């Protein structure tokens, strides 16, 4: 088993690119995959599944409501989740939301709020997947706060390509990837205990004061339309963390660090080789070491 894990790890060497490694170098602050054994357990579904601040992170909702019971089971999750319907280790669940404002009311106020402290971290990135039902608001806004929700700054407008589809679905149904927003250029979100982001429904910018449905032209907007969320994640880079990828703490990222990751590849739980602190030693940790190989080792 250890040999097979090492082979898999070495295989990742041929797939690594600088862009992938840079992304992997971030630490997971909080992550919701929603794949609970009981999708009707509201407490478990709303709790972060992993990350440095999993215990402090929270998801709430304003001017709408969560819906957990789908005929005594859960709501199917993102196709981008490794536990997708064709994967042998299902379940794959997601957070369903509904009961949004009536037509013409509360634009920019209704939606999920994801609160994750970034204390001790910078270069913050947020990711998630979202599914629009046919009658949900076609347009959404992603906003963040650095003061616990007193003020919000809009960073992205999302538009459904069609209804009953996920953002991550391939074109023409979706965009072929998760929503990903890089906040690394905004110093205010760094090292901030009051950081949060939200995804809210907004009026159609072409109409001014009305919502449009995700599916057009044969549907109308409905407050009972649904938005479904999965793979919600906040990442960052530790401030003053020393040399990234220095597994053994000797100040130099070298063969010793690479071997420590390889020999622990596949291990779960607390482990020095788990460089990004997501509770598993995997390709992401290997790429962090590779990307930083040679750093701090002198001439």
Protein backbone atom coordinates (compact mmCIF):
# COMPACT_ATOMS: atom_id res chain seq x y z
CA UNK A 1 0.00 0.00 0.00
CA UNK A 2 2.81 2.42 0.91
CA UNK A 3 4.54 1.58 -2.37
CA UNK A 4 1.40 2.29 -4.39
CA UNK A 5 0.93 5.60 -2.60
CA UNK A 6 4.50 6.55 -3.43
CA UNK A 7 3.98 5.62 -7.09
CA UNK A 8 0.89 7.82 -7.19
CA UNK A 9 2.80 10.65 -5.54
CA UNK A 10 5.63 10.37 -8.02
CA UNK A 11 3.09 10.38 -10.83
CA UNK A 12 1.98 13.79 -9.66
CA UNK A 13 5.47 15.10 -10.46
CA UNK A 14 4.76 14.84 -14.16
CA UNK A 15 1.47 16.73 -13.81
CA UNK A 16 2.72 19.63 -11.75
CA UNK A 17 2.75 23.12 -13.20
CA UNK A 18 3.71 26.38 -11.56
CA UNK A 19 0.11 27.59 -11.65
CA UNK A 20 -1.21 24.49 -9.91
CA UNK A 21 1.53 24.55 -7.33
CA UNK A 22 0.93 28.19 -6.49
CA UNK A 23 -2.73 27.48 -5.85
CA UNK A 24 -1.90 24.42 -3.77
CA UNK A 25 0.50 26.43 -1.61
CA UNK A 26 -2.40 28.01 0.25
CA UNK A 27 -3.69 26.65 3.54
CA UNK A 28 -7.32 25.65 3.86
CA UNK A 29 -8.98 27.89 6.44
CA UNK A 30 -12.46 26.35 6.17
CA UNK A 31 -14.19 23.92 3.81
CA UNK A 32 -17.72 22.59 3.45
CA UNK A 33 -18.25 19.56 1.21
CA UNK A 34 -21.61 18.80 2.87
CA UNK A 35 -21.15 15.04 2.45
CA UNK A 36 -22.59 14.11 5.82
CA UNK A 37 -23.83 10.59 6.53
CA UNK A 38 -27.21 12.11 7.41
CA UNK A 39 -28.04 15.06 5.11
CA UNK A 40 -31.10 15.82 7.26
CA UNK A 41 -28.86 16.70 10.22
CA UNK A 42 -28.95 20.48 10.00
CA UNK A 43 -26.16 21.03 12.53
CA UNK A 44 -23.78 18.69 10.72
CA UNK A 45 -24.62 20.09 7.29
CA UNK A 46 -23.87 23.66 8.37
CA UNK A 47 -20.63 22.78 10.19
CA UNK A 48 -17.34 23.16 8.33
CA UNK A 49 -15.82 19.78 7.44
CA UNK A 50 -12.15 20.78 7.62
CA UNK A 51 -9.72 23.68 7.78
CA UNK A 52 -7.67 25.58 10.34
CA UNK A 53 -10.73 27.56 11.46
CA UNK A 54 -13.35 24.85 10.98
CA UNK A 55 -14.52 25.19 14.59
CA UNK A 56 -15.01 28.96 14.32
CA UNK A 57 -16.36 29.13 10.76
CA UNK A 58 -20.11 29.60 10.24
CA UNK A 59 -22.67 29.59 7.45
CA UNK A 60 -25.91 31.52 7.92
CA UNK A 61 -28.61 32.88 5.65
CA UNK A 62 -30.50 36.19 5.39
CA UNK A 63 -33.94 36.92 3.84
CA UNK A 64 -34.18 33.27 2.71
CA UNK A 65 -33.96 29.82 4.30
CA UNK A 66 -32.10 26.53 4.13
CA UNK A 67 -33.98 23.42 3.06
CA UNK A 68 -32.60 20.04 4.14
CA UNK A 69 -35.37 17.51 3.55
CA UNK A 70 -35.74 16.30 -0.03
CA UNK A 71 -38.37 13.56 0.32
CA UNK A 72 -36.51 12.08 3.30
CA UNK A 73 -33.07 12.37 1.70
CA UNK A 74 -30.64 15.16 0.82
CA UNK A 75 -30.06 17.38 -2.20
CA UNK A 76 -27.53 16.15 -4.74
CA UNK A 77 -24.18 17.99 -4.69
CA UNK A 78 -21.81 19.48 -7.22
CA UNK A 79 -20.57 17.45 -10.19
CA UNK A 80 -17.13 18.82 -9.31
CA UNK A 81 -17.20 16.99 -5.96
CA UNK A 82 -15.07 13.81 -5.99
CA UNK A 83 -18.15 12.15 -4.44
CA UNK A 84 -20.22 12.82 -7.55
CA UNK A 85 -23.03 10.42 -8.61
CA UNK A 86 -20.62 8.23 -10.62
CA UNK A 87 -18.00 8.01 -7.86
CA UNK A 88 -17.91 4.79 -5.79
CA UNK A 89 -17.73 6.62 -2.45
CA UNK A 90 -20.97 8.58 -2.47
CA UNK A 91 -22.84 10.39 -0.84
CA UNK A 92 -22.55 13.76 -2.50
CA UNK A 93 -24.82 16.34 -0.84
CA UNK A 94 -25.18 20.12 -0.98
CA UNK A 95 -26.88 23.01 0.85
CA UNK A 96 -30.27 23.87 -0.65
CA UNK A 97 -31.70 27.39 -0.17
CA UNK A 98 -35.13 28.81 -1.05
CA UNK A 99 -37.88 31.22 0.06
CA UNK A 100 -36.16 34.25 -1.43
CA UNK A 101 -37.70 37.76 -1.64
CA UNK A 102 -40.79 38.42 -3.72
CA UNK A 103 -40.39 40.00 -7.14
CA UNK A 104 -39.10 43.56 -6.87
CA UNK A 105 -37.98 43.32 -3.22
CA UNK A 106 -34.69 43.21 -1.26
CA UNK A 107 -32.16 43.11 -4.09
CA UNK A 108 -28.66 42.47 -2.76
CA UNK A 109 -29.80 41.31 0.67
CA UNK A 110 -30.93 37.68 0.41
CA UNK A 111 -28.48 34.78 0.45
CA UNK A 112 -25.87 32.78 2.31
CA UNK A 113 -23.24 34.36 4.55
CA UNK A 114 -19.95 32.50 5.07
CA UNK A 115 -17.97 33.76 8.07
CA UNK A 116 -14.36 32.60 8.39
CA UNK A 117 -11.66 34.41 10.40
CA UNK A 118 -8.43 34.99 8.50
CA UNK A 119 -6.39 35.70 11.66
CA UNK A 120 -2.73 35.06 10.91
CA UNK A 121 -3.33 34.59 7.16
CA UNK A 122 -3.09 36.64 3.96
CA UNK A 123 -3.59 36.12 0.19
CA UNK A 124 -7.18 35.04 0.77
CA UNK A 125 -9.08 33.08 -1.88
CA UNK A 126 -12.71 31.96 -1.82
CA UNK A 127 -14.23 29.13 -3.85
CA UNK A 128 -17.64 27.52 -4.20
CA UNK A 129 -20.07 25.95 -6.61
CA UNK A 130 -23.68 27.08 -7.06
CA UNK A 131 -26.68 25.59 -8.84
CA UNK A 132 -29.58 27.70 -10.10
CA UNK A 133 -33.08 26.25 -10.40
CA UNK A 134 -35.17 27.37 -13.38
CA UNK A 135 -37.03 30.07 -11.44
CA UNK A 136 -34.18 31.31 -9.22
CA UNK A 137 -32.68 34.75 -9.73
CA UNK A 138 -30.49 34.69 -12.84
CA UNK A 139 -28.08 37.19 -11.30
CA UNK A 140 -26.14 36.85 -8.04
CA UNK A 141 -23.54 39.04 -6.39
CA UNK A 142 -20.53 37.93 -4.34
CA UNK A 143 -19.55 40.43 -1.66
CA UNK A 144 -17.15 40.45 1.28
CA UNK A 145 -16.94 42.25 4.60
CA UNK A 146 -13.99 43.09 6.84
CA UNK A 147 -16.03 44.49 9.72
CA UNK A 148 -18.31 41.61 10.63
CA UNK A 149 -21.06 42.59 8.20
CA UNK A 150 -21.52 46.31 8.82
CA UNK A 151 -20.40 47.08 5.26
CA UNK A 152 -20.07 44.91 2.18
CA UNK A 153 -17.91 45.24 -0.95
CA UNK A 154 -19.04 43.63 -4.22
CA UNK A 155 -16.35 41.70 -6.09
CA UNK A 156 -18.20 39.57 -8.63
CA UNK A 157 -21.52 39.33 -10.42
CA UNK A 158 -22.62 35.82 -11.38
CA UNK A 159 -25.01 35.02 -14.21
CA UNK A 160 -26.73 31.68 -14.79
CA UNK A 161 -26.30 30.32 -18.30
CA UNK A 162 -29.48 28.29 -17.84
CA UNK A 163 -31.63 26.84 -15.08
CA UNK A 164 -31.20 23.55 -13.20
CA UNK A 165 -27.46 23.66 -13.78
CA UNK A 166 -24.29 24.10 -11.72
CA UNK A 167 -21.70 26.81 -12.34
CA UNK A 168 -19.07 24.06 -12.69
CA UNK A 169 -20.89 22.24 -15.49
CA UNK A 170 -19.29 22.43 -18.90
CA UNK A 171 -20.33 25.02 -21.47
CA UNK A 172 -23.05 25.65 -22.65
CA UNK A 173 -24.73 24.69 -19.35
CA UNK A 174 -22.15 26.27 -17.06
CA UNK A 175 -18.64 27.69 -16.87
CA UNK A 176 -16.66 24.48 -16.41
CA UNK A 177 -15.17 25.48 -13.05
CA UNK A 178 -15.94 26.53 -9.51
CA UNK A 179 -16.48 30.18 -8.72
CA UNK A 180 -13.04 31.35 -7.56
CA UNK A 181 -12.28 34.85 -6.28
CA UNK A 182 -8.76 36.03 -5.48
CA UNK A 183 -8.64 38.67 -2.73
CA UNK A 184 -4.86 38.71 -2.38
CA UNK A 185 -4.64 42.34 -3.49
CA UNK A 186 -6.93 43.51 -0.70
CA UNK A 187 -4.93 43.92 2.49
CA UNK A 188 -8.06 44.59 4.56
CA UNK A 189 -9.15 40.94 4.36
CA UNK A 190 -5.82 39.70 5.73
CA UNK A 191 -5.42 38.80 9.40
CA UNK A 192 -9.05 39.73 10.03
CA UNK A 193 -11.31 38.08 12.60
CA UNK A 194 -14.38 39.76 11.05
CA UNK A 195 -13.98 38.49 7.49
CA UNK A 196 -16.97 36.96 5.72
CA UNK A 197 -18.38 36.70 2.24
CA UNK A 198 -21.93 36.37 1.01
CA UNK A 199 -23.74 35.40 -2.18
CA UNK A 200 -26.97 37.34 -2.66
CA UNK A 201 -29.70 37.59 -5.29
CA UNK A 202 -29.80 40.84 -7.27
CA UNK A 203 -32.11 42.47 -9.80
CA UNK A 204 -31.43 41.94 -13.48
CA UNK A 205 -29.10 44.86 -14.34
CA UNK A 206 -30.91 45.21 -17.67
CA UNK A 207 -34.28 45.70 -15.96
CA UNK A 208 -33.28 47.82 -12.98
CA UNK A 209 -35.88 46.82 -10.42
CA UNK A 210 -36.86 43.21 -11.10
CA UNK A 211 -35.39 39.72 -10.85
CA UNK A 212 -35.06 37.58 -13.97
CA UNK A 213 -35.36 33.77 -13.88
CA UNK A 214 -32.36 31.58 -14.60
CA UNK A 215 -34.25 29.85 -17.41
CA UNK A 216 -35.56 32.10 -20.14
CA UNK A 217 -37.86 32.83 -21.85
CA UNK A 218 -40.34 30.17 -20.68
CA UNK A 219 -40.05 30.68 -16.92
CA UNK A 220 -40.81 33.48 -14.48
CA UNK A 221 -38.90 34.41 -11.35
CA UNK A 222 -40.28 32.82 -8.16
CA UNK A 223 -39.37 33.34 -4.53
CA UNK A 224 -39.55 29.53 -4.25
CA UNK A 225 -36.79 29.12 -6.78
CA UNK A 226 -33.70 27.47 -5.29
CA UNK A 227 -29.97 28.07 -5.12
CA UNK A 228 -27.80 25.15 -4.07
CA UNK A 229 -24.22 25.43 -2.75
CA UNK A 230 -21.34 22.97 -2.44
CA UNK A 231 -17.54 22.86 -2.10
CA UNK A 232 -17.43 26.16 -0.20
CA UNK A 233 -13.83 26.95 0.70
CA UNK A 234 -11.69 29.79 2.07
CA UNK A 235 -7.91 29.57 1.71
CA UNK A 236 -4.94 31.73 2.69
CA UNK A 237 -1.19 31.86 3.22
CA UNK A 238 0.16 31.96 6.75
CA UNK A 239 1.75 35.30 7.61
CA UNK A 240 5.38 34.99 8.66
CA UNK A 241 5.21 31.22 8.47
CA UNK A 242 8.86 30.81 7.52
CA UNK A 243 9.76 28.75 4.48
CA UNK A 244 6.74 27.29 2.69
CA UNK A 245 7.21 23.56 2.18
CA UNK A 246 9.91 23.15 4.84
CA UNK A 247 8.37 20.02 6.35
CA UNK A 248 11.16 19.17 8.80
CA UNK A 249 11.71 22.76 9.94
CA UNK A 250 15.42 23.02 9.08
CA UNK A 251 14.92 26.20 7.01
CA UNK A 252 15.63 24.53 3.67
CA UNK A 253 13.16 22.90 1.29
CA UNK A 254 15.10 19.93 -0.07
CA UNK A 255 15.11 16.19 -0.65
CA UNK A 256 14.44 15.49 3.02
CA UNK A 257 11.15 17.39 2.90
CA UNK A 258 10.13 15.72 -0.35
CA UNK A 259 10.84 12.27 1.06
CA UNK A 260 8.88 13.01 4.23
CA UNK A 261 5.82 13.83 2.13
CA UNK A 262 6.32 10.78 -0.10
CA UNK A 263 6.71 8.36 2.81
CA UNK A 264 3.60 9.75 4.50
CA UNK A 265 1.58 10.01 1.30
CA UNK A 266 -2.05 9.08 1.95
CA UNK A 267 -1.79 9.49 5.72
CA UNK A 268 -4.68 11.27 7.44
CA UNK A 269 -4.98 13.26 10.65
CA UNK A 270 -2.26 15.33 12.35
CA UNK A 271 0.97 14.91 10.40
CA UNK A 272 3.97 17.20 9.83
CA UNK A 273 3.89 16.22 6.15
CA UNK A 274 0.37 17.67 5.83
CA UNK A 275 1.76 21.02 4.68
CA UNK A 276 -1.59 22.68 3.92
CA UNK A 277 -3.32 21.40 7.07
CA UNK A 278 -6.29 19.74 5.34
CA UNK A 279 -5.88 16.51 7.33
CA UNK A 280 -4.49 14.40 4.49
CA UNK A 281 -1.03 14.09 2.94
CA UNK A 282 -1.69 14.21 -0.79
CA UNK A 283 -0.79 15.77 -4.14
CA UNK A 284 -1.41 19.28 -2.80
CA UNK A 285 1.28 18.89 -0.13
CA UNK A 286 3.69 17.38 -2.65
CA UNK A 287 3.18 20.31 -5.01
CA UNK A 288 3.87 22.84 -2.25
CA UNK A 289 7.25 21.20 -1.58
CA UNK A 290 8.04 21.01 -5.31
CA UNK A 291 7.09 24.62 -5.96
CA UNK A 292 9.33 25.83 -3.14
CA UNK A 293 12.16 23.31 -3.71
CA UNK A 294 15.52 24.90 -2.97
CA UNK A 295 14.10 27.82 -0.97
CA UNK A 296 16.22 28.71 2.05
CA UNK A 297 19.01 26.33 1.08
CA UNK A 298 21.68 28.91 0.28
CA UNK A 299 23.80 29.16 -2.82
